[in-house]
Amino acid sequence: MTTATEIHGDTSLPHGFGHPHASEEARAIAQAGMILRVQVGSGIHGTSISGQDDRDEMGICLEPARFVT
């Protein structure tokens, strides 16, 4: 079994995110249930522009049963 990769740097949410899934609690739940996390976007395809690139990631996580049932 693998463990989630530690995220380095600022993980605070941008100003104006009022959605319930955009909270520190939701982030902790997602990270605890992470089963796949990959890099996507221009960085992985080699089409990023130096100085203007960022790291795009996509993942799959399993929610605890109490959130689904």
Protein backbone atom coordinates (compact mmCIF):
# COMPACT_ATOMS: atom_id res chain seq x y z
CA MET A 1 0.00 0.00 0.00
CA THR A 2 1.33 3.45 -0.92
CA THR A 3 0.85 6.59 1.08
CA ALA A 4 -0.24 10.01 -0.16
CA THR A 5 2.53 12.29 -1.34
CA GLU A 6 3.16 15.25 0.92
CA ILE A 7 2.21 18.58 -0.60
CA HIS A 8 4.91 21.25 -0.28
CA GLY A 9 4.15 24.95 -0.36
CA ASP A 10 0.99 26.94 0.27
CA THR A 11 -2.17 24.83 0.40
CA SER A 12 -4.55 27.59 1.47
CA LEU A 13 -7.68 28.05 -0.62
CA PRO A 14 -8.00 31.12 -2.87
CA HIS A 15 -10.20 33.97 -1.64
CA GLY A 16 -13.86 33.61 -2.54
CA PHE A 17 -14.19 29.83 -2.42
CA GLY A 18 -17.49 29.35 -0.57
CA HIS A 19 -18.32 25.89 -1.90
CA PRO A 20 -18.48 23.18 0.82
CA HIS A 21 -16.00 21.05 -1.12
CA ALA A 22 -13.51 23.92 -1.05
CA SER A 23 -12.63 23.68 2.62
CA GLU A 24 -9.76 22.38 4.69
CA GLU A 25 -12.05 19.61 6.01
CA ALA A 26 -12.87 18.49 2.45
CA ARG A 27 -9.18 18.59 1.54
CA ALA A 28 -8.31 16.36 4.53
CA ILE A 29 -11.09 13.88 3.65
CA ALA A 30 -9.93 13.74 0.02
CA GLN A 31 -6.29 13.22 0.95
CA ALA A 32 -7.15 10.48 3.43
CA GLY A 33 -9.09 8.58 0.73
CA MET A 34 -6.67 9.25 -2.15
CA ILE A 35 -6.18 6.20 -4.36
CA LEU A 36 -4.71 7.90 -7.45
CA ARG A 37 -3.02 11.25 -8.01
CA VAL A 38 -1.40 12.20 -11.32
CA GLN A 39 0.02 15.23 -13.02
CA VAL A 40 -1.96 16.49 -16.03
CA GLY A 41 -1.86 19.49 -18.34
CA SER A 42 0.84 21.31 -20.24
CA GLY A 43 3.63 20.37 -17.80
CA ILE A 44 3.24 16.67 -18.47
CA HIS A 45 2.85 17.18 -22.22
CA GLY A 46 5.93 19.39 -22.51
CA THR A 47 4.01 22.40 -23.78
CA SER A 48 4.36 24.69 -20.75
CA ILE A 49 5.84 28.17 -21.12
CA SER A 50 8.77 28.93 -18.83
CA GLY A 51 7.81 31.38 -16.09
CA GLN A 52 4.08 30.93 -16.76
CA ASP A 53 3.68 27.26 -15.93
CA ASP A 54 2.00 25.70 -12.93
CA ARG A 55 1.49 22.13 -11.75
CA ASP A 56 -1.91 20.69 -12.66
CA GLU A 57 -2.99 17.55 -10.81
CA MET A 58 -6.03 15.31 -10.91
CA GLY A 59 -6.92 12.59 -8.46
CA ILE A 60 -9.43 9.99 -7.42
CA CYS A 61 -10.43 9.56 -3.81
CA LEU A 62 -12.92 7.40 -1.97
CA GLU A 63 -15.29 9.22 0.36
CA PRO A 64 -16.03 7.76 3.78
CA ALA A 65 -19.33 5.85 3.80
CA ARG A 66 -20.96 8.42 6.09
CA PHE A 67 -20.84 10.96 3.23
CA VAL A 68 -22.42 8.64 0.66
CA THR A 69 -25.06 6.67 2.50
